[in-house]
C-alpha atoms as a PDB file:
ATOM      1  CA  MET A   1       7.019  34.016  -1.679  1.00  0.00           C
ATOM      2  CA  LEU A   2      10.244  31.978  -1.509  1.00  0.00           C
ATOM      3  CA  LYS A   3      10.154  32.202   2.294  1.00  0.00           C
ATOM      4  CA  GLU A   4       6.572  30.924   2.367  1.00  0.00           C
ATOM      5  CA  PHE A   5       7.486  28.039   0.073  1.00  0.00           C
ATOM      6  CA  LYS A   6      10.442  27.138   2.309  1.00  0.00           C
ATOM      7  CA  GLN A   7       8.159  27.128   5.380  1.00  0.00           C
ATOM      8  CA  PHE A   8       5.673  24.924   3.543  1.00  0.00           C
ATOM      9  CA  ALA A   9       8.321  22.501   2.269  1.00  0.00           C
ATOM     10  CA  MET A  10      10.020  22.156   5.650  1.00  0.00           C
ATOM     11  CA  ARG A  11       6.804  21.516   7.519  1.00  0.00           C
ATOM     12  CA  GLY A  12       6.691  18.202   9.362  1.00  0.00           C
ATOM     13  CA  ASN A  13       3.590  17.027   7.519  1.00  0.00           C
ATOM     14  CA  VAL A  14       5.180  17.496   4.100  1.00  0.00           C
ATOM     15  CA  LEU A  15       8.301  15.578   5.119  1.00  0.00           C
ATOM     16  CA  ASP A  16       6.190  12.800   6.640  1.00  0.00           C
ATOM     17  CA  MET A  17       4.161  12.639   3.450  1.00  0.00           C
ATOM     18  CA  ALA A  18       7.322  12.407   1.324  1.00  0.00           C
ATOM     19  CA  VAL A  19       8.633   9.533   3.445  1.00  0.00           C
ATOM     20  CA  GLY A  20       5.244   7.825   3.193  1.00  0.00           C
ATOM     21  CA  ILE A  21       5.197   8.137  -0.596  1.00  0.00           C
ATOM     22  CA  ILE A  22       8.693   6.676  -0.926  1.00  0.00           C
ATOM     23  CA  ILE A  23       7.906   3.776   1.402  1.00  0.00           C
ATOM     24  CA  GLY A  24       4.577   3.289  -0.381  1.00  0.00           C
ATOM     25  CA  ALA A  25       6.311   3.009  -3.749  1.00  0.00           C
ATOM     26  CA  ALA A  26       8.700   0.398  -2.392  1.00  0.00           C
ATOM     27  CA  PHE A  27       5.820  -1.464  -0.749  1.00  0.00           C
ATOM     28  CA  GLY A  28       3.891  -1.294  -4.027  1.00  0.00           C
ATOM     29  CA  ALA A  29       6.745  -3.043  -5.842  1.00  0.00           C
ATOM     30  CA  ILE A  30       6.755  -5.807  -3.220  1.00  0.00           C
ATOM     31  CA  VAL A  31       2.986  -6.230  -3.463  1.00  0.00           C
ATOM     32  CA  ALA A  32       3.100  -6.243  -7.270  1.00  0.00           C
ATOM     33  CA  SER A  33       5.690  -9.011  -7.194  1.00  0.00           C
ATOM     34  CA  PHE A  34       3.728 -10.944  -4.585  1.00  0.00           C
ATOM     35  CA  VAL A  35       0.546 -10.710  -6.642  1.00  0.00           C
ATOM     36  CA  GLY A  36       2.140 -11.410 -10.020  1.00  0.00           C
ATOM     37  CA  ASP A  37       4.664 -14.036  -8.987  1.00  0.00           C
ATOM     38  CA  VAL A  38       3.031 -15.808  -6.022  1.00  0.00           C
ATOM     39  CA  MET A  39      -0.708 -15.266  -5.750  1.00  0.00           C
ATOM     40  CA  MET A  40      -1.896 -15.191  -9.350  1.00  0.00           C
ATOM     41  CA  PRO A  41      -0.063 -18.380 -10.397  1.00  0.00           C
ATOM     42  CA  ALA A  42      -1.524 -20.151  -7.343  1.00  0.00           C
ATOM     43  CA  ILE A  43      -5.026 -18.832  -8.054  1.00  0.00           C
ATOM     44  CA  GLY A  44      -4.604 -19.699 -11.728  1.00  0.00           C
ATOM     45  CA  MET A  45      -3.647 -23.259 -10.812  1.00  0.00           C
ATOM     46  CA  LEU A  46      -6.675 -23.574  -8.538  1.00  0.00           C
ATOM     47  CA  VAL A  47      -9.003 -22.561 -11.359  1.00  0.00           C
ATOM     48  CA  GLY A  48      -7.471 -24.881 -13.922  1.00  0.00           C
ATOM     49  CA  GLY A  49      -4.083 -23.516 -14.923  1.00  0.00           C
ATOM     50  CA  VAL A  50      -5.345 -20.070 -15.894  1.00  0.00           C
ATOM     51  CA  ASP A  51      -2.814 -17.246 -16.297  1.00  0.00           C
ATOM     52  CA  PHE A  52      -4.821 -14.052 -15.797  1.00  0.00           C
ATOM     53  CA  SER A  53      -2.187 -11.717 -17.229  1.00  0.00           C
ATOM     54  CA  ASN A  54      -2.750 -13.180 -20.701  1.00  0.00           C
ATOM     55  CA  HIS A  55      -6.534 -13.013 -20.753  1.00  0.00           C
ATOM     56  CA  PHE A  56      -7.565 -10.547 -23.397  1.00  0.00           C
ATOM     57  CA  LEU A  57     -10.188  -9.817 -25.985  1.00  0.00           C
ATOM     58  CA  VAL A  58      -8.944  -8.856 -29.461  1.00  0.00           C
ATOM     59  CA  LEU A  59     -10.905  -5.906 -30.855  1.00  0.00           C
ATOM     60  CA  LYS A  60      -8.839  -5.461 -34.003  1.00  0.00           C
ATOM     61  CA  ALA A  61      -6.194  -7.785 -35.414  1.00  0.00           C
ATOM     62  CA  GLY A  62      -2.796  -6.365 -36.194  1.00  0.00           C
ATOM     63  CA  ALA A  63      -0.671  -6.578 -39.328  1.00  0.00           C
ATOM     64  CA  THR A  64      -0.039 -10.243 -38.567  1.00  0.00           C
ATOM     65  CA  PRO A  65      -3.389 -12.017 -38.280  1.00  0.00           C
ATOM     66  CA  GLY A  66      -4.240 -13.986 -35.126  1.00  0.00           C
ATOM     67  CA  PRO A  67      -4.778 -16.084 -33.175  1.00  0.00           C
ATOM     68  CA  TYR A  68      -2.435 -14.513 -30.658  1.00  0.00           C
ATOM     69  CA  ALA A  69      -0.966 -16.466 -27.758  1.00  0.00           C
ATOM     70  CA  THR A  70      -0.321 -13.472 -25.510  1.00  0.00           C
ATOM     71  CA  LEU A  71      -1.412  -9.901 -25.012  1.00  0.00           C
ATOM     72  CA  ALA A  72       2.124  -8.814 -25.871  1.00  0.00           C
ATOM     73  CA  ALA A  73       1.815 -10.614 -29.221  1.00  0.00           C
ATOM     74  CA  VAL A  74      -1.338  -8.648 -30.038  1.00  0.00           C
ATOM     75  CA  LYS A  75       0.374  -5.376 -29.225  1.00  0.00           C
ATOM     76  CA  ALA A  76       3.523  -6.355 -31.147  1.00  0.00           C
ATOM     77  CA  ALA A  77       1.407  -7.063 -34.221  1.00  0.00           C
ATOM     78  CA  GLY A  78      -0.193  -3.632 -33.911  1.00  0.00           C
ATOM     79  CA  GLY A  79      -3.563  -4.998 -32.862  1.00  0.00           C
ATOM     80  CA  VAL A  80      -6.007  -3.605 -30.345  1.00  0.00           C
ATOM     81  CA  ALA A  81      -7.058  -5.731 -27.374  1.00  0.00           C
ATOM     82  CA  ILE A  82      -8.757  -5.343 -24.022  1.00  0.00           C
ATOM     83  CA  GLY A  83      -6.472  -6.876 -21.394  1.00  0.00           C
ATOM     84  CA  TYR A  84      -9.024  -7.796 -18.742  1.00  0.00           C
ATOM     85  CA  GLY A  85      -6.581 -10.255 -17.138  1.00  0.00           C
ATOM     86  CA  VAL A  86      -4.227  -7.387 -16.354  1.00  0.00           C
ATOM     87  CA  LEU A  87      -7.194  -5.602 -14.776  1.00  0.00           C
ATOM     88  CA  ILE A  88      -7.894  -8.638 -12.586  1.00  0.00           C
ATOM     89  CA  ASN A  89      -4.249  -8.630 -11.451  1.00  0.00           C
ATOM     90  CA  ALA A  90      -4.459  -4.903 -10.675  1.00  0.00           C
ATOM     91  CA  MET A  91      -7.645  -5.398  -8.640  1.00  0.00           C
ATOM     92  CA  VAL A  92      -6.066  -8.199  -6.591  1.00  0.00           C
ATOM     93  CA  ASN A  93      -3.021  -5.968  -6.112  1.00  0.00           C
ATOM     94  CA  PHE A  94      -5.260  -3.131  -4.888  1.00  0.00           C
ATOM     95  CA  LEU A  95      -7.121  -5.393  -2.473  1.00  0.00           C
ATOM     96  CA  ILE A  96      -3.864  -6.605  -0.926  1.00  0.00           C
ATOM     97  CA  VAL A  97      -2.542  -3.055  -0.517  1.00  0.00           C
ATOM     98  CA  ALA A  98      -5.863  -1.861   0.915  1.00  0.00           C
ATOM     99  CA  PHE A  99      -5.956  -4.768   3.386  1.00  0.00           C
ATOM    100  CA  ALA A 100      -2.350  -4.152   4.446  1.00  0.00           C
ATOM    101  CA  LEU A 101      -3.094  -0.462   5.025  1.00  0.00           C
ATOM    102  CA  PHE A 102      -6.235  -1.416   6.947  1.00  0.00           C
ATOM    103  CA  LEU A 103      -4.138  -3.596   9.271  1.00  0.00           C
ATOM    104  CA  VAL A 104      -1.541  -0.841   9.765  1.00  0.00           C
ATOM    105  CA  ILE A 105      -4.180   1.804  10.526  1.00  0.00           C
ATOM    106  CA  LYS A 106      -6.036  -0.570  12.834  1.00  0.00           C
ATOM    107  CA  ALA A 107      -2.813  -1.222  14.778  1.00  0.00           C
ATOM    108  CA  MET A 108      -2.061   2.502  14.984  1.00  0.00           C
ATOM    109  CA  ASN A 109      -5.578   3.277  16.214  1.00  0.00           C
ATOM    110  CA  ALA A 110      -5.280   0.577  18.870  1.00  0.00           C
ATOM    111  CA  ALA A 111      -1.947   2.042  20.002  1.00  0.00           C
ATOM    112  CA  VAL A 112      -3.426   5.550  20.179  1.00  0.00           C
ATOM    113  CA  LYS A 113      -6.431   4.299  22.180  1.00  0.00           C
ATOM    114  CA  LYS A 114      -4.134   2.448  24.578  1.00  0.00           C
ATOM    115  CA  GLU A 115      -2.017   5.562  25.019  1.00  0.00           C
ATOM    116  CA  ALA A 116      -5.064   7.784  25.505  1.00  0.00           C
ATOM    117  CA  ALA A 117      -6.667   5.313  27.896  1.00  0.00           C
ATOM    118  CA  ALA A 118      -3.919   5.718  30.494  1.00  0.00           C
ATOM    119  CA  PRO A 119      -5.481   7.983  33.135  1.00  0.00           C
ATOM    120  CA  ALA A 120      -3.620  10.971  34.456  1.00  0.00           C
ATOM    121  CA  PRO A 121      -2.301  10.547  37.990  1.00  0.00           C
ATOM    122  CA  SER A 122      -4.568  11.880  40.724  1.00  0.00           C
ATOM    123  CA  LYS A 123      -3.739  15.049  42.693  1.00  0.00           C
ATOM    124  CA  GLU A 124      -2.797  12.948  45.698  1.00  0.00           C
ATOM    125  CA  VAL A 125      -0.338  10.881  43.673  1.00  0.00           C
ATOM    126  CA  MET A 126       1.185  14.046  42.188  1.00  0.00           C
ATOM    127  CA  LEU A 127       1.573  15.565  45.673  1.00  0.00           C
ATOM    128  CA  LEU A 128       3.151  12.392  47.064  1.00  0.00           C
ATOM    129  CA  THR A 129       5.542  12.298  44.079  1.00  0.00           C
ATOM    130  CA  GLU A 130       6.613  15.886  44.777  1.00  0.00           C
ATOM    131  CA  ILE A 131       7.159  15.112  48.463  1.00  0.00           C
ATOM    132  CA  ARG A 132       9.214  12.038  47.550  1.00  0.00           C
ATOM    133  CA  ASP A 133      11.348  14.050  45.148  1.00  0.00           C
ATOM    134  CA  LEU A 134      11.944  16.781  47.768  1.00  0.00           C
ATOM    135  CA  LEU A 135      12.959  14.222  50.368  1.00  0.00           C
ATOM    136  CA  ALA A 136      15.296  12.524  47.890  1.00  0.00           C
ATOM    137  CA  ARG A 137      17.106  15.822  47.249  1.00  0.00           C
ATOM    138  CA  ARG A 138      17.914  16.303  50.964  1.00  0.00           C
END
């Protein structure tokens, strides 16, 4: 069983997947920063200075009664709130990641098609190449 596990773990696909997961995590951090620090403030400004991360609906006030300025304040007071602004940020984050992956896969598919589109040399060309190589060796 240990031998089978070693064969599975050392398979090329598993190693490729591990590299992809690590790169994906790093890319996710970049996208999260881009969404939270660049895109959402710009979108918020366009729609009237709205900060989506602090949009919430209080379901139950905490020990300290509201109103609460931020979602963190609700949670710190022990209240219960639905943070729909955080959901909006997560959806924008997902759309950016999905679009970036779409572009990468599209580029890879185009490269594969280009590579596959190259026709194999004809029999005559192969024969002439062999004759050339034989003459070059003399």
